[in-house]
Protein backbone atom coordinates (compact mmCIF):
# COMPACT_ATOMS: atom_id res chain seq x y z
CA MET A 1 84.67 135.22 164.49
CA LEU A 2 84.66 131.73 162.58
CA ILE A 3 80.70 130.23 162.69
CA PRO A 4 80.42 126.54 162.25
CA ASN A 5 78.33 125.53 159.30
CA ASP A 6 76.23 123.19 161.14
CA LYS A 7 75.40 126.07 163.72
CA LEU A 8 74.24 128.44 160.67
CA LEU A 9 72.02 125.72 158.98
CA HIS A 10 70.59 124.64 162.16
CA ALA A 11 69.64 128.09 163.03
CA THR A 12 68.37 128.82 159.49
CA ARG A 13 65.94 125.96 159.78
CA ARG A 14 64.50 127.04 163.15
CA GLU A 15 63.84 130.56 162.02
CA TYR A 16 62.42 129.49 158.58
CA ARG A 17 60.04 127.28 160.65
CA ARG A 18 59.05 130.18 162.85
CA MET A 19 58.61 132.53 159.58
CA GLN A 20 56.35 129.75 157.72
CA PRO A 21 52.93 131.35 159.38
CA MET A 22 53.83 134.96 158.31
CA LEU A 23 54.94 133.30 154.96
CA SER A 24 51.56 131.89 154.65
CA GLN A 25 49.77 135.01 155.88
CA ALA A 26 51.49 136.85 153.12
CA GLY A 27 50.11 134.78 150.23
CA VAL A 28 53.58 133.17 149.57
CA GLN A 29 53.17 130.07 147.48
CA ALA A 30 53.16 126.74 149.59
CA SER A 31 55.63 125.02 147.02
CA ALA A 32 58.09 127.49 147.57
CA GLY A 33 58.17 127.33 151.12
CA VAL A 34 58.22 123.55 150.98
CA ALA A 35 61.01 123.59 148.67
CA ILE A 36 63.43 125.94 150.93
CA GLY A 37 62.62 123.74 154.02
CA HIS A 38 63.35 120.76 152.04
CA ALA A 39 66.52 122.59 150.99
CA LEU A 40 67.50 123.54 154.39
CA ASN A 41 67.30 120.00 155.51
CA LEU A 42 69.29 118.64 153.12
CA LEU A 43 72.14 121.16 153.72
CA SER A 44 71.76 120.62 157.32
CA THR A 45 72.04 117.00 157.17
CA ARG A 46 74.87 117.18 154.91
CA SER A 47 77.05 119.56 156.96
CA HIS A 48 75.95 117.69 160.44
CA GLY A 49 76.84 114.12 158.84
CA GLY A 50 79.56 115.05 156.75
CA LEU A 51 81.95 112.37 155.40
CA LYS A 52 80.24 109.88 157.91
CA ALA A 53 76.90 110.15 156.24
CA LEU A 54 78.28 109.60 152.77
CA GLU A 55 80.35 106.42 154.10
CA ALA A 56 76.80 105.18 155.66
CA GLN A 57 75.17 105.67 152.08
CA ALA A 58 77.84 103.74 150.40
CA ARG A 59 77.40 100.95 152.85
CA ALA A 60 73.62 101.04 152.16
CA LEU A 61 74.37 100.92 148.59
CA THR A 62 76.64 98.17 149.35
CA VAL A 63 74.04 96.16 151.02
CA ALA A 64 71.57 96.71 147.97
CA LEU A 65 74.30 95.53 145.45
CA GLU A 66 74.74 92.37 147.52
CA GLN A 67 70.96 91.58 147.52
CA VAL A 68 70.82 92.32 143.78
CA ARG A 69 73.72 90.15 143.23
CA ALA A 70 72.06 87.42 144.86
CA LEU A 71 68.89 87.94 142.61
CA VAL A 72 70.67 87.82 139.67
CA ALA A 73 72.96 84.81 140.36
CA GLU A 74 71.71 83.11 137.49
CA SER A 75 73.20 85.43 135.04
CA SER A 76 77.34 85.68 135.10
CA GLU A 77 76.84 89.01 133.16
CA GLY A 78 75.08 90.21 136.24
CA ARG A 79 77.23 88.51 138.75
CA ASP A 80 80.33 90.21 136.88
CA ARG A 81 78.41 94.02 136.81
CA CYS A 82 77.58 93.74 140.61
CA ASP A 83 81.01 92.49 141.83
CA ALA A 84 82.75 95.27 139.69
CA LEU A 85 80.38 97.97 141.48
CA LEU A 86 80.95 96.31 144.94
CA HIS A 87 84.55 96.58 144.17
CA ASP A 88 84.52 100.16 143.58
CA LEU A 89 82.67 100.68 146.80
CA GLU A 90 85.43 98.70 148.56
CA ALA A 91 87.86 101.64 148.43
CA PRO A 92 87.76 104.55 150.80
CA LEU A 93 86.20 107.50 150.11
CA PRO A 94 87.88 110.70 149.05
CA ASP A 95 88.74 112.99 152.07
CA THR A 96 86.72 116.05 150.91
CA ILE A 97 82.94 115.85 150.87
CA GLU A 98 82.64 117.29 147.17
CA ASP A 99 84.70 114.48 146.04
CA ALA A 100 83.32 111.85 147.96
CA GLU A 101 79.86 112.98 146.80
CA ALA A 102 81.18 112.65 142.96
CA ASP A 103 82.43 109.29 143.69
CA ILE A 104 79.01 107.96 144.77
CA ARG A 105 77.05 109.76 142.05
CA ASP A 106 79.39 108.00 139.72
CA VAL A 107 78.87 104.27 141.47
CA LEU A 108 75.00 105.51 141.27
CA SER A 109 75.23 106.11 137.36
CA GLN A 110 77.00 102.90 136.97
CA PHE A 111 74.52 100.95 139.00
CA GLU A 112 71.57 102.25 136.68
CA GLU A 113 73.27 101.41 133.71
CA CYS A 114 73.78 97.99 135.32
CA ILE A 115 70.11 97.48 136.33
CA HIS A 116 69.12 98.72 132.79
CA ALA A 117 71.41 96.02 130.95
CA LEU A 118 70.34 93.18 133.70
CA LEU A 119 66.59 93.89 133.02
CA ALA A 120 67.14 93.03 129.26
CA ASP A 121 68.67 89.82 130.26
CA ARG A 122 65.93 86.93 129.79
CA ALA A 123 67.79 84.69 132.21
CA ILE A 124 67.13 86.94 135.19
CA THR A 125 63.59 85.81 136.04
CA LYS A 126 63.29 87.74 139.68
CA LYS A 127 62.63 91.17 138.57
CA ALA A 128 59.65 91.81 140.70
CA SER A 129 61.76 91.02 143.82
CA LEU A 130 64.90 93.09 142.43
CA ALA A 131 62.22 96.08 142.06
CA GLN A 132 61.27 95.36 145.78
CA VAL A 133 64.81 95.53 146.78
CA LEU A 134 65.75 98.74 144.91
CA VAL A 135 62.74 100.40 145.82
CA ARG A 136 63.53 99.86 149.56
CA TRP A 137 67.09 100.71 149.17
CA GLU A 138 66.45 103.99 147.16
CA ALA A 139 63.27 105.50 148.92
CA GLY A 140 65.09 104.97 152.21
CA ASP A 141 68.31 106.69 150.87
CA LEU A 142 66.53 109.48 149.90
CA ALA A 143 64.09 110.19 152.99
CA GLY A 144 67.44 109.55 155.23
CA GLN A 145 68.69 112.68 153.74
CA LEU A 146 66.03 115.03 155.02
CA ASP A 147 66.89 114.51 158.69
CA ALA A 148 63.51 114.67 159.77
CA GLU A 149 64.06 113.66 163.48
CA GLU A 150 66.10 116.78 164.04
CA ALA A 151 63.49 119.08 162.64
CA GLY A 152 61.04 117.80 164.82
CA ALA A 153 63.08 117.96 167.98
CA GLU A 154 63.70 121.63 167.75
CA THR A 155 59.96 122.62 168.25
CA ASP A 156 60.02 121.65 171.88
CA LEU A 157 60.43 125.09 173.35
CA ALA A 158 58.50 127.00 170.66
CA VAL A 159 55.65 128.96 171.84
CA THR A 160 52.41 128.21 169.20
CA ARG A 161 48.84 129.87 169.55
CA ASP A 162 47.41 126.56 171.15
CA ILE A 163 50.25 126.68 174.08
CA LEU A 164 49.41 130.47 174.42
CA GLU A 165 45.79 129.87 174.61
CA ARG A 166 46.00 127.05 177.13
CA TYR A 167 48.06 129.17 179.32
CA LEU A 168 45.77 132.15 179.24
CA ARG A 169 42.84 129.98 179.96
CA ASP A 170 44.39 128.69 182.78
CA ARG A 171 45.51 131.89 184.17
CA PHE A 172 42.27 133.70 183.73
CA ASP A 173 40.32 130.33 184.69
CA GLU A 174 38.18 131.08 181.52
CA GLN A 175 37.70 128.06 178.87
CA GLY A 176 35.96 129.99 176.34
CA LEU A 177 39.19 132.65 175.97
CA THR A 178 40.58 132.34 172.55
CA VAL A 179 43.87 133.86 170.94
CA THR A 180 42.32 135.38 167.64
CA SER A 181 45.84 136.36 166.03
CA PHE A 182 49.36 135.15 166.68
CA ALA A 183 52.57 136.53 164.96
CA PRO A 184 56.24 136.11 165.99
CA LEU A 185 58.20 139.09 164.85
CA PRO A 186 61.48 139.19 163.18
CA GLY A 187 64.03 141.41 164.52
CA GLY A 188 65.72 142.05 167.62
CA PHE A 189 68.53 140.35 169.28
CA GLY A 190 68.34 137.61 171.93
CA LYS A 191 64.88 138.16 173.02
CA GLU A 192 61.72 136.80 171.19
CA THR A 193 58.69 139.07 170.70
CA ILE A 194 55.12 137.76 169.84
CA LEU A 195 52.24 139.76 169.16
CA PHE A 196 48.85 138.49 169.82
CA ALA A 197 45.13 139.53 170.11
CA VAL A 198 42.88 137.58 172.71
CA SER A 199 39.01 137.41 173.00
CA GLY A 200 37.58 136.93 176.39
CA GLU A 201 35.69 138.23 179.13
CA ALA A 202 38.21 138.64 181.98
CA PHE A 203 41.25 139.34 179.40
CA SER A 204 40.70 140.90 176.00
CA GLY A 205 42.79 143.09 173.33
CA GLU A 206 46.21 143.21 171.67
CA PHE A 207 49.02 142.12 173.62
CA VAL A 208 52.87 141.66 173.22
CA MET A 209 54.95 138.43 174.81
CA ARG A 210 58.63 139.70 175.36
CA ARG A 211 60.55 136.42 176.27
CA ASP A 212 64.00 135.54 177.14
CA PRO A 213 65.52 132.63 175.18
CA GLY A 214 65.22 129.55 177.12
CA GLY A 215 68.08 128.22 179.37
CA ASN A 216 70.92 130.85 180.61
CA ASP A 217 71.13 132.37 176.95
CA SER A 218 70.18 136.13 177.96
CA LEU A 219 73.00 138.77 179.23
CA THR A 220 73.08 138.77 182.66
CA ASN A 221 74.23 142.11 183.66
CA ASP A 222 71.89 145.16 183.67
CA CYS A 223 68.33 144.46 183.28
CA HIS A 224 68.46 141.87 180.29
CA GLU A 225 66.65 139.27 182.23
CA VAL A 226 62.86 139.88 181.71
CA PHE A 227 62.17 139.67 185.72
CA ARG A 228 64.57 142.40 186.18
CA GLU A 229 63.36 144.51 183.23
CA TYR A 230 59.70 144.23 184.44
CA PRO A 231 59.96 146.45 187.49
CA VAL A 232 61.91 149.20 185.54
CA ILE A 233 59.33 149.39 182.77
CA LYS A 234 56.24 149.45 185.49
CA ALA A 235 58.09 152.16 187.67
CA ALA A 236 58.36 154.24 184.45
CA PHE A 237 54.92 153.84 183.09
CA GLU A 238 53.28 154.60 186.46
CA ARG A 239 55.48 157.76 186.50
CA GLY A 240 54.05 158.93 183.00
CA PHE A 241 56.83 157.84 180.71
CA PRO A 242 55.71 156.72 177.38
CA ALA A 243 56.66 153.19 178.23
CA PRO A 244 54.79 149.72 177.54
CA ASP A 245 51.78 148.83 180.20
CA ALA A 246 53.50 146.06 181.59
CA LEU A 247 50.69 143.74 183.19
CA TRP A 248 53.04 140.86 184.34
CA VAL A 249 56.24 139.04 184.43
CA ASP A 250 56.09 135.02 184.58
CA THR A 251 58.94 133.28 185.95
CA GLU A 252 56.94 129.89 186.50
CA HIS A 253 54.90 129.23 183.15
CA ALA A 254 54.62 125.49 183.70
CA LEU A 255 52.22 125.60 180.33
CA VAL A 256 54.80 127.62 178.16
CA PRO A 257 58.01 125.86 177.48
CA GLY A 258 61.23 127.87 177.35
CA GLY A 259 62.32 131.49 178.63
CA ASP A 260 60.58 133.57 180.98
CA PHE A 261 58.62 136.36 179.75
CA ILE A 262 56.62 139.66 180.07
CA VAL A 263 53.17 140.39 178.95
CA MET A 264 52.13 144.04 177.78
CA ARG A 265 49.40 145.71 176.23
CA LYS A 266 50.34 146.24 172.40
CA SER A 267 51.72 150.21 172.22
CA PRO A 268 49.96 152.00 169.33
CA GLY A 269 52.54 152.97 166.40
CA ARG A 270 55.46 151.67 164.00
CA LEU A 271 59.26 151.46 164.72
CA GLY A 272 61.23 154.53 163.90
CA GLY A 273 64.16 152.79 162.40
CA ASP A 274 66.65 150.66 163.60
CA ILE A 275 70.23 150.70 165.52
CA PHE A 276 71.88 152.69 163.05
CA GLY A 277 69.14 155.52 162.45
CA ALA A 278 65.71 156.55 161.41
CA ALA A 279 63.72 154.64 158.88
CA ALA A 280 62.38 157.95 157.59
CA THR A 281 62.35 161.76 157.99
CA VAL A 282 61.79 162.44 161.43
CA PRO A 283 59.62 165.61 162.60
CA ALA A 284 61.02 168.60 163.54
CA ARG A 285 59.16 168.65 166.62
CA PHE A 286 60.53 165.01 167.49
CA ALA A 287 63.70 166.68 169.21
CA ASP A 288 61.42 168.73 171.76
CA VAL A 289 59.40 165.57 172.64
CA LEU A 290 62.78 163.42 173.21
CA GLY A 291 64.54 166.15 174.96
CA ASP A 292 61.39 166.46 177.25
CA ILE A 293 61.24 163.02 177.91
CA ALA A 294 65.05 162.28 178.83
CA ALA A 295 65.04 165.25 181.10
CA ARG A 296 61.75 163.86 182.96
CA LEU A 297 63.52 160.62 183.11
CA HIS A 298 66.99 162.10 184.39
CA THR A 299 65.53 164.32 187.40
CA LEU A 300 63.38 161.53 188.85
CA GLU A 301 63.93 161.25 192.55
CA PRO A 302 65.64 158.02 193.44
CA LEU A 303 63.57 154.87 192.50
CA GLU A 304 64.51 153.48 196.17
CA GLU A 305 61.67 150.91 195.55
CA LEU A 306 63.52 148.94 193.04
CA GLY A 307 65.86 147.91 195.60
CA THR A 308 68.67 145.84 194.56
CA LEU A 309 67.43 144.65 191.00
CA SER A 310 70.95 144.20 189.24
CA SER A 311 74.63 144.97 189.26
CA PHE A 312 73.75 148.62 188.37
CA ILE A 313 70.57 149.23 189.91
CA SER A 314 70.68 149.20 193.86
CA PRO A 315 70.33 151.42 196.64
CA ASP A 316 74.10 152.22 196.98
CA LEU A 317 74.12 153.69 193.52
CA TRP A 318 71.63 156.54 193.73
CA HIS A 319 73.81 158.92 195.69
CA LEU A 320 76.97 158.34 193.96
CA PRO A 321 78.94 161.07 191.93
CA ARG A 322 78.12 160.84 188.10
CA SER A 323 81.84 160.33 187.27
CA GLU A 324 81.88 157.45 189.80
CA ALA A 325 78.89 155.89 188.49
CA ALA A 326 80.01 155.89 185.08
CA ARG A 327 83.18 154.65 185.64
CA ARG A 328 81.76 151.43 187.81
CA TYR A 329 79.28 150.93 184.99
CA ILE A 330 82.06 150.82 182.22
CA ALA A 331 84.37 148.87 184.24
CA GLY A 332 81.48 146.21 185.32
CA TRP A 333 80.71 145.85 181.73
CA TYR A 334 84.56 145.34 180.54
CA ASP A 335 84.74 142.79 183.75
CA TYR A 336 81.49 141.15 182.55
CA TYR A 337 82.77 141.06 179.10
CA ARG A 338 86.26 139.49 180.16
CA SER A 339 84.31 136.88 182.47
CA GLU A 340 81.88 135.70 179.59
CA VAL A 341 82.82 133.18 177.05
CA HIS A 342 83.47 135.86 174.11
CA THR A 343 85.52 136.13 170.69
CA PRO A 344 88.92 137.42 171.38
CA SER A 345 89.15 141.17 170.48
CA PRO A 346 92.10 142.89 171.07
CA ALA A 347 90.75 146.24 169.78
CA LEU A 348 87.63 146.26 172.25
CA CYS A 349 90.30 145.59 175.23
CA ALA A 350 92.10 148.66 173.99
CA ILE A 351 89.14 150.96 173.60
CA PHE A 352 88.08 149.90 176.95
CA SER A 353 91.31 150.80 178.34
CA TRP A 354 91.10 154.53 176.95
CA LEU A 355 87.61 155.15 178.18
CA LEU A 356 88.68 153.82 181.95
CA ASP A 357 91.34 156.32 181.51
CA ASN A 358 89.15 159.54 180.51
CA VAL A 359 86.05 159.19 182.28
CA PRO A 360 84.61 162.75 182.32
CA ARG A 361 84.54 164.62 185.77
CA ARG A 362 81.10 165.64 186.08
CA GLU A 363 79.34 167.16 189.18
CA GLY A 364 75.78 166.33 190.30
CA ARG A 365 73.94 163.02 191.26
CA ALA A 366 73.63 159.84 189.53
CA ALA A 367 70.16 159.08 187.78
CA LEU A 368 68.16 156.26 186.47
CA LEU A 369 69.07 155.81 182.36
CA HIS A 370 66.98 154.03 180.01
CA GLY A 371 70.42 153.09 178.20
CA ASP A 372 69.37 152.19 174.82
CA PHE A 373 67.34 155.18 173.31
CA GLY A 374 67.24 154.97 169.69
CA PHE A 375 65.04 154.67 166.52
CA HIS A 376 64.91 150.74 166.96
CA ASN A 377 63.02 151.62 170.53
CA PHE A 378 60.85 154.36 169.38
CA LEU A 379 57.23 154.00 168.34
CA PHE A 380 55.61 156.44 166.21
CA GLU A 381 51.98 157.13 165.52
CA ASP A 382 50.91 159.91 163.21
CA ASP A 383 54.76 161.16 163.63
CA GLU A 384 54.24 161.46 167.42
CA LEU A 385 56.55 159.63 169.80
CA SER A 386 53.74 156.80 171.07
CA ALA A 387 56.23 154.69 173.29
CA VAL A 388 59.98 153.72 174.00
CA LEU A 389 60.29 150.04 174.18
CA ASP A 390 62.84 147.65 175.63
CA TRP A 391 64.35 148.68 178.98
CA GLU A 392 66.81 146.11 179.04
CA PHE A 393 69.91 148.26 179.31
CA ALA A 394 68.47 150.45 182.27
CA HIS A 395 70.92 151.50 184.90
CA ILE A 396 72.05 154.22 187.40
CA GLY A 397 74.46 156.44 185.84
CA ASP A 398 75.54 159.98 184.49
CA PRO A 399 72.62 161.65 182.63
CA ALA A 400 75.72 162.66 179.73
CA GLU A 401 75.80 158.92 179.15
CA GLU A 402 72.29 159.05 177.70
CA LEU A 403 72.74 162.06 175.93
CA GLY A 404 75.80 160.63 174.12
CA TYR A 405 73.81 157.23 173.36
CA ILE A 406 71.31 159.75 171.87
CA ALA A 407 73.57 161.74 169.97
CA MET A 408 75.10 158.45 168.64
CA ALA A 409 71.54 156.77 167.72
CA THR A 410 70.02 160.00 166.35
CA GLU A 411 72.68 161.55 164.41
CA GLY A 412 71.79 163.35 161.23
CA ALA A 413 68.13 162.51 161.87
CA MET A 414 67.44 165.46 164.44
CA ASP A 415 68.33 169.02 165.39
CA TRP A 416 70.70 168.67 168.13
CA ASP A 417 70.37 172.25 169.36
CA ARG A 418 66.71 171.90 169.49
CA PHE A 419 66.68 168.72 171.38
CA MET A 420 69.31 170.16 174.04
CA ALA A 421 67.04 172.96 174.53
CA ALA A 422 64.13 171.15 175.33
CA TYR A 423 66.15 169.03 177.72
CA ARG A 424 67.36 172.00 179.46
CA ALA A 425 63.92 173.37 179.62
CA GLY A 426 62.80 170.08 181.23
CA GLY A 427 65.26 170.51 184.01
CA GLY A 428 68.28 168.52 182.47
CA ASP A 429 71.75 169.65 182.84
CA ASP A 430 73.84 170.82 180.12
CA VAL A 431 76.82 168.59 178.96
CA ASP A 432 80.09 169.72 177.42
CA PRO A 433 80.96 168.33 173.72
CA GLN A 434 83.95 166.36 175.18
CA ALA A 435 82.04 164.57 177.35
CA LEU A 436 79.19 164.11 174.86
CA ARG A 437 81.85 162.43 172.44
CA PHE A 438 83.28 160.31 175.15
CA TYR A 439 79.86 158.80 176.02
CA ARG A 440 79.37 158.40 172.03
CA VAL A 441 82.44 156.06 172.10
CA TRP A 442 81.13 154.16 175.33
CA ALA A 443 77.80 153.67 173.40
CA HIS A 444 79.48 152.07 170.56
CA VAL A 445 81.92 149.90 172.91
CA ARG A 446 79.02 148.62 175.07
CA ASN A 447 76.77 147.58 171.98
CA ALA A 448 80.06 145.96 170.54
CA ALA A 449 80.58 144.14 173.82
CA ALA A 450 77.02 142.80 174.08
CA GLY A 451 77.11 141.73 170.46
CA ASN A 452 80.18 140.20 170.87
CA ILE A 453 79.04 137.67 173.89
CA LEU A 454 75.75 137.12 171.82
CA ALA A 455 77.46 136.14 168.77
CA THR A 456 79.67 134.30 170.23
CA ARG A 457 77.00 132.20 172.18
CA PHE A 458 75.37 131.51 169.01
CA SER A 459 78.79 130.15 167.66
CA ASN A 460 79.30 128.04 170.64
CA GLY A 461 76.10 126.30 170.76
CA PRO A 462 73.73 127.48 173.45
CA VAL A 463 71.73 130.31 171.25
CA ASP A 464 70.00 129.26 168.07
CA ASP A 465 68.72 132.74 166.96
CA ILE A 466 70.11 133.35 163.60
CA LYS A 467 69.90 136.82 163.59
CA LEU A 468 72.60 136.75 166.06
CA THR A 469 74.98 136.19 162.94
CA ILE A 470 74.69 139.51 161.62
CA LEU A 471 76.51 140.93 164.73
CA PRO A 472 79.99 140.17 164.45
CA PHE A 473 80.20 140.59 160.69
CA HIS A 474 77.90 143.68 159.96
CA HIS A 475 77.44 145.85 163.41
CA PHE A 476 80.56 145.00 165.27
CA PRO A 477 83.14 146.46 162.72
CA ARG A 478 81.08 149.65 162.46
CA PHE A 479 80.95 149.81 166.11
CA ILE A 480 84.59 149.73 166.99
CA SER A 481 85.60 151.91 163.71
CA GLU A 482 83.43 154.63 164.82
CA ALA A 483 84.54 154.37 168.24
CA ALA A 484 87.95 154.53 167.04
CA ARG A 485 87.32 157.64 165.00
CA LEU A 486 85.67 159.64 167.90
CA ILE A 487 89.08 158.60 169.88
CA ALA A 488 91.24 159.96 167.42
CA GLN A 489 89.09 163.43 167.25
CA ALA A 490 89.47 163.40 171.21
CA GLU A 491 93.26 162.84 171.33
CA ALA A 492 93.76 165.38 168.35
CA GLU A 493 91.92 168.14 170.32
CA LYS A 494 94.51 167.42 173.39
CA SER A 495 97.30 170.24 174.14
CA PRO A 496 100.67 168.79 173.39
CA ALA A 497 101.33 168.87 177.27
CA VAL A 498 98.28 166.62 177.84
CA THR A 499 99.00 164.10 174.94
CA ALA A 500 103.01 163.83 176.35
CA ALA A 501 101.75 163.18 179.85
């Protein structure tokens, strides 16, 4: 994937501005923050403007030189020096930005030497006017390189403390309500997360805003849009699962620009790690807790009240055989990947084909799956699992798929046999090693497909979250390489007769 430089710089500037309040709270020196901001502005302007911006600089310099020439007309040396520089500026700039910048720097150096010599010439009497012309040109030239207009326009869709406070005062009809803390969180792909605290009579405490990006920038299958995710979180919480306490979802929010959002009570604890594993040693009893949670989820009676919530949560799916639900889900994801603007990946197409040819045959009814059980979505408090976050991949499918994802996400951090013992004790069905490996392949492939689509949206323009640049170069290769390794194992275990067929 080739991400345009102007996209990278634009998104870097946007993310930097979002981080400035956190930098201030962390005690980072203001001068360092200002310097980074200015450097990003300069780089963005240079990338955005390219050779045209340098040509505009050369034209402005030509105008300034012509004005200088008029002011030093009484000096033949002055006229000759200005004419020589004007002649140099008439030549086209080189084709590369680096060479064009070098030419302009050279002319500027000669311009300074010219002015230095002219100011020593007693025949030149309009030195004050000369200084005014030079100051107007030089100050304008430098200020124009900061691209301040674009920087201001990017904040239009940002949620600020003041915007949130006005929104909450209006929602709860309480003008004395105050937002006492406000902190956008780094991390995550696609969604914006803001921690905030409120002091008021009708509404008080610590909360989380989970917000879709503005426009149509979310993935639109599964429950990626918050208005689909909210009912699933509510249903899980009401049935005693350690899901967040989701208070409301807002799809109107006239006072809050940008995407739709959920407001939830802040769950206690700290994140357990990232998508590739745990951040610290996991207590042995975690296997018991997670096994029980997964079993309780997979043995729920169909949540018919969710209705047709998404492509993969609808009344007709609850009673499908597990294999058919899984096949539809994988095929649906492949169709979705192919229909969305994406970065071509022949490798991903080949792996999807292998998956669809090898869906395990498993008996039993399909179940509700969280779809993203991993340490990046686990909150721990005092070594206890306090919450399972982010239900955007929730769907109806084969419980073995969830187990495969858990195996992928917790590999090496948890006693798998102990987990499965707890899962079976909670009412969950066993899964054979071949099916488990198949769904580990699928876990990597689904993450790769989602990452490909999101990163392409960044590259093509609609999305500005710079964290998405991590996906194609760091995550995607790991996903498809691990999937290929597992497929090779599966193929090697097949009998010669099966392989030949």
